[in-house]
C-alpha cells in the first residue's frame, strides 16, 4: 500500500470514528455530560456539530465570550417587571438549553468560576431561580471546543472531568453526520442495555493502571459502553463496546503508562530428597456436594473470572486505550512526564479591577466615580420592582428612581507583565557567575514571546547602576546589551535596588505587573552615596530592600555565589523575595529555575 493510500484510509477511519462518537453522545447527552473537541476550528468541527445537533433533535446554543451571571443563570425580566409592577424573572441561557446542547468556543480560556458554574449544572441538572422560586430544569450536554495550541492550555479540570468524550476530529476529510432515525432507535433501546458482569471492574482496573484517580471516569466509560451497545442493537455491552469507551474516555485522561506485569515464578526444581508428589484426590460424583474445605468462599469467588467473560478483558480494555494514544504521548507516559504538571510557557499578569477596560464582571451598587460608567440595565432592574409603590407615594407617573438604585459597571483586566533583571556585574560576581547569569538572561529573553512578557535589564558595578535595556521584547537588542556588559569593580547593591525600584514604580502606576529578578551574591561594599565601605553598603542595601517590600514588588533573589551566603538570604528576607541558591548550575539551569519560580 502506498503512503497516500494509507493516509487516505487513516482519514476515513478517523472520520468514521468521529461519526460514531457523535451518535453515541446523541443517545445519552445529559448522562454523558458532553464532549471535549481538541483542535482548531474548521469545516470538520462545524459539520460534526451540525450532525450532533440533528441527531439529538435539539437546538445547539453557543455560549457568548463575555457572559455574565444574569445571562447565564437568569435574572430579572426588565420589561415584564415594569409592566407588572412586581419582580418577573426570566430564564437564563442554561435553562433555555434544557434538553439540548451548549457549545463553548475557546474553552481553554474559560475562567475557573464560569467552569465551576457549568460543572454544578451538569451535576444537579437544574439552575436556581433568581426570584426565589423553584429551580429550573437544565439537563443538557456541553461541547467544549478546546483550541489551545500548547499542552498547558487546557479546559479547566472541574469541567473536563464531567465531559465523557475527549476527541480529536480528523485533520482532513469531513465526518458524515449520524443517522437521526438510527440514533432515535438506539435511544429507545438504551435503558434496557445492561453491561456484562465484569465490564465495570475491567474499566476500573484499566483506569487505575493508567493513573486516573477519578471515580467518575470509569462510570462515564460504562455509560459510553452501554450507548455503544444500544447503537449496534446489542442488549448487553461487551468487550467491543468497552474498547470504544477506552479510546474516548480513558486514553485522553491517561497519566502514566502501565507497568508490565511481573513474570510468573518458575516451578521449583525437583530434588532427590524431595518427597514424591501427593496422589490426586479421587474423583467425586457430580451430584455429591463439595468438601467443606473446598467450598466456594468469598476469596475463591474473587479469584474466579466472571462467567461468560474472557479472563483477558481488563488487558483488552487497557490495550484499546493505549492504541488510541498518539506515539508522542505514549513516549511521554513511558517517561512519566504526563503525570506531572505541564511546564509554564506563558504567564499573564494578575487580574485587577478597572474602571473602563477589560472583561465585564457584572455591576455593583453605588454611584459611578473615578471614571466608572453607569450600568443602566442594572439600575433599571433595581428600580423596576418598586415602581407601583413609588408612583402611589409620589402621585405621579413615569419612571421613579432613587440614588440607591444606581449601579456602576465592573471590569477586570489582565495586566501586562515586565520582568526586570538586575545583574550584579561587580568584581566578585564577575569572577564567579557573571557568564552564567548572562546566558540565563539571554535564554529567558529568547522565550519572551512565548511567555508574553516584556523584559528589562540593568546592571550595577563600580559605584552606580545603569539601565542597559528598557522594557522590550527585542531579542537582538538584548543580546547586544548582554555582550557589552562588562564586569569588575565594587558592588553598589543599594544603587542597583534603587534603580530597579525607580523602573518598577512607573510600571505599577500604568497598570503593569513588574517582577524583579536580582542576581547577586548579596555582599555589598559601596554605600548609596558612592563611598566605599562594607558596613555602610550592607546597611543601605537592606534599607533599599525594605523600600521594595513596602511597595509590594514581587521579587526573586538568585544567590550566584559558589556557596550560599547568609548576606543574600538576609537581603531576600528584607525584600520579601523568594530566595534561590544555585551554587552549581549552568545558564540553562538558571533559566529553568527562574522560569519555574516566576510561572
Protein backbone atom coordinates (compact mmCIF):
# COMPACT_ATOMS: atom_id res chain seq x y z
CA UNK A 1 0.00 0.00 0.00
CA UNK A 2 1.33 3.41 -0.95
CA UNK A 3 1.75 6.13 1.70
CA UNK A 4 -1.02 8.19 0.08
CA UNK A 5 -3.43 5.24 0.24
CA UNK A 6 -2.51 4.54 3.86
CA UNK A 7 -3.07 8.17 4.75
CA UNK A 8 -6.43 8.15 2.98
CA UNK A 9 -7.51 5.01 4.85
CA UNK A 10 -6.46 6.58 8.16
CA UNK A 11 -8.52 9.69 7.41
CA UNK A 12 -11.55 7.58 6.55
CA UNK A 13 -11.18 5.58 9.76
CA UNK A 14 -10.91 8.79 11.81
CA UNK A 15 -13.99 10.24 10.12
CA UNK A 16 -15.96 7.04 10.80
CA UNK A 17 -14.87 7.11 14.45
CA UNK A 18 -15.94 10.76 14.79
CA UNK A 19 -19.35 9.89 13.30
CA UNK A 20 -19.80 7.05 15.78
CA UNK A 21 -18.78 9.27 18.70
CA UNK A 22 -21.43 11.83 17.72
CA UNK A 23 -24.06 9.09 17.57
CA UNK A 24 -23.07 7.71 20.99
CA UNK A 25 -23.24 11.18 22.56
CA UNK A 26 -26.66 11.82 20.97
CA UNK A 27 -28.04 8.66 22.58
CA UNK A 28 -27.37 9.84 26.16
CA UNK A 29 -26.31 13.51 26.01
CA UNK A 30 -27.21 14.58 29.55
CA UNK A 31 -25.89 11.38 31.12
CA UNK A 32 -22.54 11.65 29.36
CA UNK A 33 -22.21 15.35 30.11
CA UNK A 34 -20.84 16.21 26.68
CA UNK A 35 -17.55 16.17 24.81
CA UNK A 36 -14.25 17.98 24.54
CA UNK A 37 -13.20 18.67 20.95
CA UNK A 38 -9.46 19.27 20.88
CA UNK A 39 -8.15 21.12 17.83
CA UNK A 40 -8.57 24.28 15.77
CA UNK A 41 -11.86 25.43 14.28
CA UNK A 42 -12.61 24.26 10.77
CA UNK A 43 -15.12 22.56 8.46
CA UNK A 44 -14.74 19.20 10.21
CA UNK A 45 -15.78 20.64 13.57
CA UNK A 46 -18.67 22.60 12.06
CA UNK A 47 -20.05 19.52 10.30
CA UNK A 48 -19.61 17.37 13.41
CA UNK A 49 -21.60 19.86 15.49
CA UNK A 50 -24.33 20.08 12.86
CA UNK A 51 -24.60 16.31 12.76
CA UNK A 52 -24.77 16.10 16.55
CA UNK A 53 -27.50 18.75 16.65
CA UNK A 54 -29.56 16.89 14.06
CA UNK A 55 -29.10 13.54 15.84
CA UNK A 56 -30.11 14.98 19.22
CA UNK A 57 -33.15 16.72 17.75
CA UNK A 58 -32.48 19.71 19.98
CA UNK A 59 -31.02 23.15 19.26
CA UNK A 60 -27.32 23.85 19.76
CA UNK A 61 -26.74 27.11 21.62
CA UNK A 62 -23.43 28.92 21.79
CA UNK A 63 -22.00 30.41 24.97
CA UNK A 64 -21.02 34.08 24.44
CA UNK A 65 -17.40 35.01 25.05
CA UNK A 66 -18.26 37.51 27.80
CA UNK A 67 -21.29 36.17 29.62
CA UNK A 68 -22.45 37.45 32.99
CA UNK A 69 -24.37 35.54 35.64
CA UNK A 70 -27.69 37.16 34.73
CA UNK A 71 -27.40 35.95 31.15
CA UNK A 72 -26.12 32.52 32.16
CA UNK A 73 -28.28 31.69 35.18
CA UNK A 74 -31.24 34.04 34.72
CA UNK A 75 -32.24 37.37 36.14
CA UNK A 76 -34.94 40.00 36.25
CA UNK A 77 -37.12 40.50 33.17
CA UNK A 78 -36.96 44.28 32.94
CA UNK A 79 -39.84 44.78 30.51
CA UNK A 80 -42.10 42.34 32.31
CA UNK A 81 -41.26 43.81 35.71
CA UNK A 82 -42.02 47.37 34.58
CA UNK A 83 -45.31 46.24 33.06
CA UNK A 84 -46.44 44.14 36.03
CA UNK A 85 -45.04 46.33 38.80
CA UNK A 86 -43.58 43.29 40.53
CA UNK A 87 -40.44 41.19 40.03
CA UNK A 88 -40.71 38.96 36.97
CA UNK A 89 -37.82 36.52 36.42
CA UNK A 90 -36.51 35.46 33.05
CA UNK A 91 -34.69 32.17 32.43
CA UNK A 92 -31.02 32.21 31.68
CA UNK A 93 -29.11 30.56 28.88
CA UNK A 94 -28.66 27.29 30.78
CA UNK A 95 -32.38 26.92 31.49
CA UNK A 96 -33.22 27.75 27.88
CA UNK A 97 -30.82 25.00 26.75
CA UNK A 98 -32.65 22.36 28.82
CA UNK A 99 -32.77 19.12 26.86
CA UNK A 100 -30.31 20.44 24.28
CA UNK A 101 -26.68 21.27 23.68
CA UNK A 102 -24.41 24.12 24.71
CA UNK A 103 -21.29 24.84 22.66
CA UNK A 104 -18.39 26.58 24.43
CA UNK A 105 -15.88 28.02 21.91
CA UNK A 106 -12.28 28.66 23.01
CA UNK A 107 -12.92 26.60 26.12
CA UNK A 108 -9.22 26.67 27.08
CA UNK A 109 -9.75 30.33 28.07
CA UNK A 110 -12.78 29.62 30.23
CA UNK A 111 -12.46 31.34 33.64
CA UNK A 112 -12.42 28.89 36.57
CA UNK A 113 -15.53 30.47 38.12
CA UNK A 114 -17.58 30.03 34.96
CA UNK A 115 -16.32 26.47 34.55
CA UNK A 116 -17.41 25.72 38.13
CA UNK A 117 -20.93 27.04 37.41
CA UNK A 118 -21.24 24.84 34.33
CA UNK A 119 -19.94 21.84 36.28
CA UNK A 120 -22.53 22.42 39.01
CA UNK A 121 -25.33 22.46 36.44
CA UNK A 122 -24.07 19.19 34.96
CA UNK A 123 -24.11 17.65 38.45
CA UNK A 124 -27.58 18.80 39.50
CA UNK A 125 -29.39 19.22 36.19
CA UNK A 126 -31.05 22.42 37.37
CA UNK A 127 -30.49 26.15 37.82
CA UNK A 128 -31.69 28.09 40.88
CA UNK A 129 -34.43 30.64 40.24
CA UNK A 130 -33.07 34.19 40.82
CA UNK A 131 -36.53 35.29 42.03
CA UNK A 132 -36.54 32.69 44.80
CA UNK A 133 -38.89 30.24 43.11
CA UNK A 134 -38.31 26.55 42.45
CA UNK A 135 -35.18 25.66 40.47
CA UNK A 136 -35.45 25.50 36.70
CA UNK A 137 -34.51 22.25 34.93
CA UNK A 138 -31.29 22.40 32.92
CA UNK A 139 -30.39 18.88 31.76
CA UNK A 140 -28.03 19.49 28.88
CA UNK A 141 -24.78 18.41 27.27
CA UNK A 142 -21.79 20.71 26.81
CA UNK A 143 -19.46 20.57 23.82
CA UNK A 144 -16.23 22.33 24.84
CA UNK A 145 -14.13 23.34 21.84
CA UNK A 146 -10.54 23.35 23.13
CA UNK A 147 -8.41 25.30 20.64
CA UNK A 148 -5.27 25.52 22.79
CA UNK A 149 -2.03 25.16 20.85
CA UNK A 150 0.17 24.19 23.81
CA UNK A 151 -0.23 21.37 26.30
CA UNK A 152 -0.59 23.84 29.16
CA UNK A 153 -3.62 25.49 27.51
CA UNK A 154 -6.38 23.19 28.68
CA UNK A 155 -10.00 23.25 29.70
CA UNK A 156 -10.39 23.70 33.49
CA UNK A 157 -10.23 20.30 35.17
CA UNK A 158 -13.53 20.72 37.05
CA UNK A 159 -15.42 20.80 33.75
CA UNK A 160 -13.21 18.47 31.70
CA UNK A 161 -13.73 15.66 34.24
CA UNK A 162 -17.50 15.77 33.72
CA UNK A 163 -17.43 15.59 29.91
CA UNK A 164 -17.22 11.93 28.93
CA UNK A 165 -15.84 12.04 25.40
CA UNK A 166 -12.46 13.64 24.60
CA UNK A 167 -11.97 13.66 20.84
CA UNK A 168 -9.66 14.91 18.12
CA UNK A 169 -11.51 15.35 14.85
CA UNK A 170 -9.79 14.28 11.58
CA UNK A 171 -7.47 16.89 10.13
CA UNK A 172 -8.58 16.04 6.60
CA UNK A 173 -11.99 14.96 5.42
CA UNK A 174 -15.42 15.65 6.84
CA UNK A 175 -17.13 13.20 9.22
CA UNK A 176 -20.51 12.09 7.91
CA UNK A 177 -23.40 13.00 10.23
CA UNK A 178 -25.03 10.17 12.18
CA UNK A 179 -28.44 8.95 11.09
CA UNK A 180 -31.17 10.53 13.28
CA UNK A 181 -33.54 7.51 12.89
CA UNK A 182 -30.78 5.10 13.96
CA UNK A 183 -29.95 7.31 16.95
CA UNK A 184 -33.62 7.56 17.93
CA UNK A 185 -34.00 3.76 17.81
CA UNK A 186 -30.82 3.30 19.88
CA UNK A 187 -32.06 5.87 22.40
CA UNK A 188 -35.22 3.79 22.86
CA UNK A 189 -33.13 0.62 23.39
CA UNK A 190 -30.56 2.24 25.68
CA UNK A 191 -32.42 1.98 29.05
CA UNK A 192 -32.68 -1.82 28.65
CA UNK A 193 -28.98 -2.34 27.82
CA UNK A 194 -27.01 -3.88 30.69
CA UNK A 195 -23.23 -4.23 31.00
CA UNK A 196 -21.56 -7.60 31.09
CA UNK A 197 -20.73 -8.71 34.62
CA UNK A 198 -17.02 -7.96 34.52
CA UNK A 199 -17.18 -4.83 32.40
CA UNK A 200 -17.15 -2.28 35.21
CA UNK A 201 -14.27 -3.98 37.10
CA UNK A 202 -12.29 -4.08 33.86
CA UNK A 203 -12.84 -0.37 33.24
CA UNK A 204 -11.90 0.48 36.83
CA UNK A 205 -8.76 -1.65 36.60
CA UNK A 206 -7.68 0.00 33.34
CA UNK A 207 -8.35 3.48 34.76
CA UNK A 208 -6.26 2.75 37.85
CA UNK A 209 -3.35 1.38 35.81
CA UNK A 210 -3.41 4.49 33.59
CA UNK A 211 -3.09 6.75 36.65
CA UNK A 212 -6.69 8.07 36.53
CA UNK A 213 -7.74 8.80 40.10
CA UNK A 214 -11.32 9.97 39.47
CA UNK A 215 -14.18 7.57 40.18
CA UNK A 216 -16.37 9.49 37.76
CA UNK A 217 -14.27 8.47 34.74
CA UNK A 218 -14.93 4.67 34.76
CA UNK A 219 -18.60 5.39 35.44
CA UNK A 220 -18.76 7.61 32.35
CA UNK A 221 -16.89 4.94 30.40
CA UNK A 222 -19.55 2.42 31.42
CA UNK A 223 -22.32 4.71 30.12
CA UNK A 224 -20.42 5.12 26.84
CA UNK A 225 -20.14 1.33 26.50
CA UNK A 226 -23.89 0.92 27.08
CA UNK A 227 -24.70 3.59 24.49
CA UNK A 228 -22.34 1.90 22.02
CA UNK A 229 -24.12 -1.42 22.52
CA UNK A 230 -27.52 0.24 22.05
CA UNK A 231 -26.28 1.80 18.79
CA UNK A 232 -25.38 -1.66 17.44
CA UNK A 233 -28.58 -3.25 18.74
CA UNK A 234 -26.94 -5.44 21.39
CA UNK A 235 -28.77 -5.95 24.71
CA UNK A 236 -25.50 -6.49 26.62
CA UNK A 237 -22.45 -4.21 26.48
CA UNK A 238 -19.37 -6.32 25.88
CA UNK A 239 -15.65 -6.08 25.10
CA UNK A 240 -16.09 -4.27 21.76
CA UNK A 241 -18.12 -1.55 23.49
CA UNK A 242 -15.54 -1.29 26.28
CA UNK A 243 -12.88 -0.73 23.62
CA UNK A 244 -14.71 2.35 22.32
CA UNK A 245 -15.08 3.66 25.87
CA UNK A 246 -11.36 3.10 26.46
CA UNK A 247 -10.47 5.09 23.33
CA UNK A 248 -12.73 8.07 24.04
CA UNK A 249 -12.84 8.22 27.84
CA UNK A 250 -9.77 6.55 29.35
CA UNK A 251 -6.99 7.18 26.82
CA UNK A 252 -7.22 11.01 26.75
CA UNK A 253 -7.04 11.09 30.55
CA UNK A 254 -4.06 8.73 30.92
CA UNK A 255 -1.31 9.97 33.24
CA UNK A 256 1.13 7.07 33.37
CA UNK A 257 1.97 4.14 31.18
CA UNK A 258 1.03 0.92 32.98
CA UNK A 259 3.90 -1.22 34.12
CA UNK A 260 4.39 -4.64 32.60
CA UNK A 261 3.13 -7.46 34.83
CA UNK A 262 5.95 -9.29 36.62
CA UNK A 263 6.90 -12.66 35.11
CA UNK A 264 5.48 -15.71 36.76
CA UNK A 265 7.79 -17.55 39.13
CA UNK A 266 9.17 -20.77 37.58
CA UNK A 267 8.07 -24.02 39.22
CA UNK A 268 10.50 -25.30 41.85
CA UNK A 269 13.00 -27.84 40.61
CA UNK A 270 12.69 -31.35 41.95
CA UNK A 271 15.45 -32.53 44.28
CA UNK A 272 16.47 -36.09 45.07
CA UNK A 273 15.41 -35.70 48.71
CA UNK A 274 12.06 -34.18 47.88
CA UNK A 275 9.02 -36.24 48.83
CA UNK A 276 7.04 -37.71 45.94
CA UNK A 277 4.03 -35.72 44.78
CA UNK A 278 0.81 -36.43 46.54
CA UNK A 279 -1.70 -38.68 44.87
CA UNK A 280 -4.54 -36.79 43.20
CA UNK A 281 -7.78 -36.87 45.16
CA UNK A 282 -10.31 -39.42 43.99
CA UNK A 283 -12.92 -38.17 41.55
CA UNK A 284 -16.16 -37.26 43.20
CA UNK A 285 -19.58 -37.78 41.89
CA UNK A 286 -21.01 -34.74 40.12
CA UNK A 287 -24.08 -34.81 42.33
CA UNK A 288 -22.09 -35.02 45.53
CA UNK A 289 -21.59 -31.78 47.46
CA UNK A 290 -18.04 -30.38 47.56
CA UNK A 291 -15.93 -30.93 50.65
CA UNK A 292 -16.14 -28.30 53.34
CA UNK A 293 -12.53 -27.16 52.84
CA UNK A 294 -13.17 -26.60 49.13
CA UNK A 295 -16.44 -24.77 49.41
CA UNK A 296 -16.66 -21.62 47.30
CA UNK A 297 -15.96 -18.81 49.71
CA UNK A 298 -15.53 -15.07 49.09
CA UNK A 299 -11.81 -15.42 48.26
CA UNK A 300 -12.48 -18.13 45.71
CA UNK A 301 -15.25 -16.06 44.14
CA UNK A 302 -12.93 -13.06 43.83
CA UNK A 303 -10.24 -15.10 42.09
CA UNK A 304 -12.55 -16.75 39.59
CA UNK A 305 -13.30 -14.83 36.39
CA UNK A 306 -16.92 -13.77 35.81
CA UNK A 307 -18.93 -16.42 33.98
CA UNK A 308 -19.14 -15.97 30.23
CA UNK A 309 -16.37 -13.33 30.23
CA UNK A 310 -12.80 -13.75 28.98
CA UNK A 311 -10.07 -13.55 31.58
CA UNK A 312 -8.21 -11.03 29.40
CA UNK A 313 -10.94 -8.37 29.35
CA UNK A 314 -9.00 -5.90 31.58
CA UNK A 315 -5.98 -6.33 29.29
CA UNK A 316 -8.17 -5.82 26.21
CA UNK A 317 -9.55 -2.57 27.63
CA UNK A 318 -6.05 -1.40 28.52
CA UNK A 319 -4.70 -2.24 25.06
CA UNK A 320 -7.58 -0.36 23.43
CA UNK A 321 -6.75 2.72 25.49
CA UNK A 322 -3.03 2.53 24.68
CA UNK A 323 -3.74 2.09 20.96
CA UNK A 324 -5.63 5.39 20.94
CA UNK A 325 -2.67 7.35 22.31
CA UNK A 326 -0.51 9.27 19.83
CA UNK A 327 3.09 7.98 19.67
CA UNK A 328 4.49 11.14 21.26
CA UNK A 329 2.11 10.89 24.20
CA UNK A 330 2.91 7.21 24.60
CA UNK A 331 6.59 8.03 24.97
CA UNK A 332 5.77 10.78 27.44
CA UNK A 333 3.72 8.35 29.52
CA UNK A 334 6.58 5.88 29.46
CA UNK A 335 8.88 8.57 30.80
CA UNK A 336 6.34 9.59 33.43
CA UNK A 337 6.03 13.13 32.04
CA UNK A 338 2.27 13.09 31.69
CA UNK A 339 1.77 12.68 35.38
CA UNK A 340 3.47 15.97 36.12
CA UNK A 341 2.06 19.39 35.67
CA UNK A 342 2.98 20.90 32.29
CA UNK A 343 5.78 23.41 32.27
CA UNK A 344 4.71 27.00 32.39
CA UNK A 345 5.22 28.52 28.98
CA UNK A 346 3.21 31.67 29.38
CA UNK A 347 2.41 33.97 32.23
CA UNK A 348 -0.35 36.54 32.39
CA UNK A 349 -0.32 39.49 34.70
CA UNK A 350 -2.58 39.50 37.72
CA UNK A 351 -6.19 40.48 37.19
CA UNK A 352 -7.10 43.87 38.59
CA UNK A 353 -10.26 45.95 38.77
CA UNK A 354 -10.60 48.53 36.04
CA UNK A 355 -13.00 51.42 35.56
CA UNK A 356 -13.45 51.14 31.79
CA UNK A 357 -11.30 48.40 30.26
CA UNK A 358 -11.21 44.65 30.49
CA UNK A 359 -13.68 41.83 30.89
CA UNK A 360 -17.10 42.85 32.30
CA UNK A 361 -17.80 41.11 35.61
CA UNK A 362 -21.22 42.47 36.49
CA UNK A 363 -22.37 45.56 38.34
CA UNK A 364 -22.08 46.91 41.86
CA UNK A 365 -24.49 49.16 43.69
CA UNK A 366 -23.26 52.74 44.11
CA UNK A 367 -22.61 55.97 42.28
CA UNK A 368 -20.06 55.89 39.45
CA UNK A 369 -16.78 57.52 40.44
CA UNK A 370 -13.17 57.74 39.26
CA UNK A 371 -14.07 57.33 35.60
CA UNK A 372 -16.54 54.47 36.16
CA UNK A 373 -19.61 54.11 33.98
CA UNK A 374 -23.24 53.75 34.94
CA UNK A 375 -24.74 50.34 34.31
CA UNK A 376 -28.13 51.43 33.03
CA UNK A 377 -29.72 47.99 32.81
CA UNK A 378 -28.69 47.05 36.35
CA UNK A 379 -30.01 50.40 37.60
CA UNK A 380 -33.36 49.85 35.89
CA UNK A 381 -33.57 46.30 37.23
CA UNK A 382 -33.03 47.62 40.76
CA UNK A 383 -35.74 50.29 40.37
CA UNK A 384 -38.33 48.27 38.42
CA UNK A 385 -39.87 46.18 41.25
CA UNK A 386 -40.72 49.37 43.23
CA UNK A 387 -42.47 51.39 40.53
CA UNK A 388 -46.05 50.74 41.63
CA UNK A 389 -45.31 51.66 45.25
CA UNK A 390 -43.27 54.76 44.34
CA UNK A 391 -45.88 56.07 41.92
CA UNK A 392 -48.51 55.70 44.62
CA UNK A 393 -46.32 57.51 47.15
CA UNK A 394 -45.28 60.35 44.85
CA UNK A 395 -48.55 60.69 42.96
CA UNK A 396 -47.03 60.94 39.51
CA UNK A 397 -46.39 58.70 36.54
CA UNK A 398 -43.13 57.90 34.83
CA UNK A 399 -40.05 56.07 35.99
CA UNK A 400 -39.35 56.69 39.67
CA UNK A 401 -35.79 56.05 40.80
CA UNK A 402 -33.59 56.76 43.81
CA UNK A 403 -29.89 57.14 44.38
CA UNK A 404 -29.62 53.70 45.92
CA UNK A 405 -30.85 52.20 42.62
CA UNK A 406 -27.66 53.31 40.85
CA UNK A 407 -25.24 50.58 39.78
CA UNK A 408 -21.80 51.03 38.28
CA UNK A 409 -20.12 48.71 35.82
CA UNK A 410 -17.30 46.49 36.97
CA UNK A 411 -14.43 45.35 34.76
CA UNK A 412 -11.35 43.26 35.33
CA UNK A 413 -8.34 43.34 33.05
CA UNK A 414 -5.16 41.34 32.96
CA UNK A 415 -2.08 43.41 33.47
CA UNK A 416 0.89 43.21 31.19
CA UNK A 417 3.94 41.70 32.85
CA UNK A 418 7.50 43.00 32.83
CA UNK A 419 10.44 41.08 34.26
CA UNK A 420 13.29 43.32 35.45
CA UNK A 421 16.67 41.61 35.64
CA UNK A 422 19.12 43.34 37.96
CA UNK A 423 22.54 41.74 37.44
CA UNK A 424 25.44 42.15 39.83
CA UNK A 425 28.39 42.86 37.50
CA UNK A 426 30.86 43.64 40.29
CA UNK A 427 34.23 42.02 40.68
CA UNK A 428 33.13 39.17 42.97
CA UNK A 429 30.14 38.24 40.85
CA UNK A 430 32.05 38.57 37.58
CA UNK A 431 34.69 36.26 38.96
CA UNK A 432 32.13 33.62 39.84
CA UNK A 433 28.92 33.61 37.85
CA UNK A 434 28.54 36.58 35.51
CA UNK A 435 28.88 34.36 32.44
CA UNK A 436 26.12 32.02 33.63
CA UNK A 437 23.93 34.99 34.53
CA UNK A 438 24.34 36.43 31.04
CA UNK A 439 23.41 33.10 29.50
CA UNK A 440 20.35 32.70 31.72
CA UNK A 441 19.07 36.18 30.90
CA UNK A 442 19.57 35.56 27.19
CA UNK A 443 17.66 32.28 27.33
CA UNK A 444 14.76 33.96 29.12
CA UNK A 445 14.79 36.81 26.63
CA UNK A 446 14.64 34.31 23.78
CA UNK A 447 11.48 32.87 25.35
CA UNK A 448 9.82 36.24 26.00
CA UNK A 449 7.45 35.99 23.05
CA UNK A 450 6.07 32.72 24.37
CA UNK A 451 5.98 33.99 27.95
CA UNK A 452 4.16 37.17 26.81
CA UNK A 453 6.49 39.26 28.98
CA UNK A 454 8.48 42.39 28.44
CA UNK A 455 12.00 42.22 29.81
CA UNK A 456 14.27 44.95 31.17
CA UNK A 457 17.94 44.66 32.11
CA UNK A 458 20.01 46.77 34.45
CA UNK A 459 23.47 46.15 35.84
CA UNK A 460 25.29 47.62 38.85
CA UNK A 461 29.06 47.77 39.32
CA UNK A 462 31.64 50.25 40.47
CA UNK A 463 29.63 52.98 42.23
CA UNK A 464 26.45 53.24 40.09
CA UNK A 465 23.71 51.25 38.40
CA UNK A 466 22.92 51.52 34.69
CA UNK A 467 19.75 50.65 32.76
CA UNK A 468 21.07 48.70 29.79
CA UNK A 469 17.75 47.63 28.30
CA UNK A 470 14.41 49.39 28.83
CA UNK A 471 11.31 47.11 28.85
CA UNK A 472 11.24 45.45 25.44
CA UNK A 473 10.68 42.22 23.54
CA UNK A 474 13.53 42.87 21.10
CA UNK A 475 15.87 39.89 21.31
CA UNK A 476 18.69 41.29 19.06
CA UNK A 477 18.87 44.44 21.11
CA UNK A 478 19.01 42.45 24.34
CA UNK A 479 21.81 40.29 23.01
CA UNK A 480 23.88 43.33 22.09
CA UNK A 481 23.41 44.74 25.60
CA UNK A 482 24.42 41.46 27.21
CA UNK A 483 27.50 41.11 25.02
CA UNK A 484 28.64 44.59 26.02
CA UNK A 485 28.04 44.05 29.75
CA UNK A 486 31.43 44.48 31.50
CA UNK A 487 32.42 43.06 34.84
CA UNK A 488 34.55 44.20 37.74
CA UNK A 489 34.63 46.90 40.38
CA UNK A 490 32.72 47.40 43.62
CA UNK A 491 29.24 46.19 44.50
CA UNK A 492 26.78 49.14 44.79
CA UNK A 493 23.89 46.89 45.76
CA UNK A 494 21.79 49.74 47.16
CA UNK A 495 22.16 51.66 43.88
CA UNK A 496 21.02 48.59 41.93
CA UNK A 497 17.93 48.14 44.10
CA UNK A 498 17.09 51.84 43.90
CA UNK A 499 17.39 51.73 40.11
CA UNK A 500 15.10 48.67 39.95
CA UNK A 501 12.56 50.43 42.18
CA UNK A 502 12.69 53.58 40.05
CA UNK A 503 11.96 51.47 36.99
CA UNK A 504 9.19 49.39 38.60
CA UNK A 505 7.09 52.14 40.23
CA UNK A 506 6.06 53.88 36.96
CA UNK A 507 5.13 50.46 35.57
CA UNK A 508 2.91 49.83 38.58
CA UNK A 509 1.19 53.18 38.10
CA UNK A 510 0.47 52.29 34.45
CA UNK A 511 -1.19 49.02 35.44
CA UNK A 512 1.75 46.74 34.56
CA UNK A 513 2.79 43.87 36.84
CA UNK A 514 6.60 44.12 37.31
CA UNK A 515 8.70 41.33 38.77
CA UNK A 516 12.29 41.82 39.90
CA UNK A 517 14.88 39.08 39.40
CA UNK A 518 18.05 40.01 41.30
CA UNK A 519 21.23 38.03 40.54
CA UNK A 520 23.84 38.76 43.22
CA UNK A 521 25.90 37.24 46.00
CA UNK A 522 24.49 39.83 48.42
CA UNK A 523 27.88 41.21 49.55
CA UNK A 524 27.61 44.99 49.16
CA UNK A 525 30.68 47.17 49.65
CA UNK A 526 29.57 50.54 48.24
CA UNK A 527 27.13 52.85 50.02
CA UNK A 528 24.31 54.84 48.41
CA UNK A 529 26.48 57.97 48.15
CA UNK A 530 29.18 56.05 46.27
CA UNK A 531 31.63 55.87 49.15
CA UNK A 532 33.33 52.52 49.76
CA UNK A 533 32.59 50.57 52.92
CA UNK A 534 31.16 47.13 53.55
CA UNK A 535 29.17 48.05 56.67
CA UNK A 536 27.59 51.18 55.13
CA UNK A 537 26.95 49.37 51.83
CA UNK A 538 25.18 46.48 53.55
CA UNK A 539 23.08 48.84 55.68
CA UNK A 540 21.98 50.89 52.65
CA UNK A 541 21.22 47.73 50.67
CA UNK A 542 18.91 46.44 53.40
CA UNK A 543 17.14 49.82 53.54
CA UNK A 544 16.62 49.77 49.77
CA UNK A 545 15.32 46.19 50.01
CA UNK A 546 12.76 47.17 52.67
CA UNK A 547 11.54 50.01 50.42
CA UNK A 548 10.92 47.47 47.64
CA UNK A 549 8.97 45.29 50.04
CA UNK A 550 6.86 48.25 51.17
CA UNK A 551 5.91 48.93 47.54
CA UNK A 552 4.65 45.36 47.16
CA UNK A 553 7.01 44.46 44.32
CA UNK A 554 7.25 40.73 43.58
CA UNK A 555 10.89 39.67 43.60
CA UNK A 556 13.19 36.68 43.28
CA UNK A 557 16.78 36.71 44.54
CA UNK A 558 19.22 34.26 42.98
CA UNK A 559 22.33 33.76 45.06
CA UNK A 560 25.08 33.47 42.46
CA UNK A 561 27.87 32.80 44.95
CA UNK A 562 29.71 29.44 44.76
CA UNK A 563 28.46 28.82 48.30
CA UNK A 564 25.11 30.18 49.62
CA UNK A 565 25.73 33.40 51.51
CA UNK A 566 23.86 34.48 54.67
CA UNK A 567 24.01 38.07 53.41
CA UNK A 568 21.98 37.09 50.33
CA UNK A 569 19.42 35.28 52.50
CA UNK A 570 19.12 38.31 54.77
CA UNK A 571 18.65 40.58 51.75
CA UNK A 572 15.92 38.33 50.34
CA UNK A 573 14.07 38.39 53.68
CA UNK A 574 14.26 42.19 53.77
CA UNK A 575 12.85 42.38 50.21
CA UNK A 576 10.13 39.82 50.88
CA UNK A 577 11.58 37.92 47.91
CA UNK A 578 11.88 34.25 47.15
CA UNK A 579 15.43 33.00 47.70
CA UNK A 580 17.08 30.61 45.27
CA UNK A 581 20.61 29.35 45.86
CA UNK A 582 22.31 27.83 42.83
CA UNK A 583 25.87 27.03 43.85
CA UNK A 584 26.35 24.60 40.93
CA UNK A 585 24.35 25.48 37.83
CA UNK A 586 24.89 26.50 34.24
CA UNK A 587 22.97 29.06 32.20
CA UNK A 588 20.21 26.65 31.25
CA UNK A 589 19.67 25.55 34.85
CA UNK A 590 19.43 29.18 35.92
CA UNK A 591 16.90 29.88 33.16
CA UNK A 592 14.76 26.89 34.12
CA UNK A 593 14.84 27.81 37.81
CA UNK A 594 13.80 31.41 37.12
CA UNK A 595 11.05 30.30 34.75
CA UNK A 596 9.64 27.87 37.32
CA UNK A 597 9.78 30.46 40.10
CA UNK A 598 8.05 33.14 38.02
CA UNK A 599 5.46 30.81 36.48
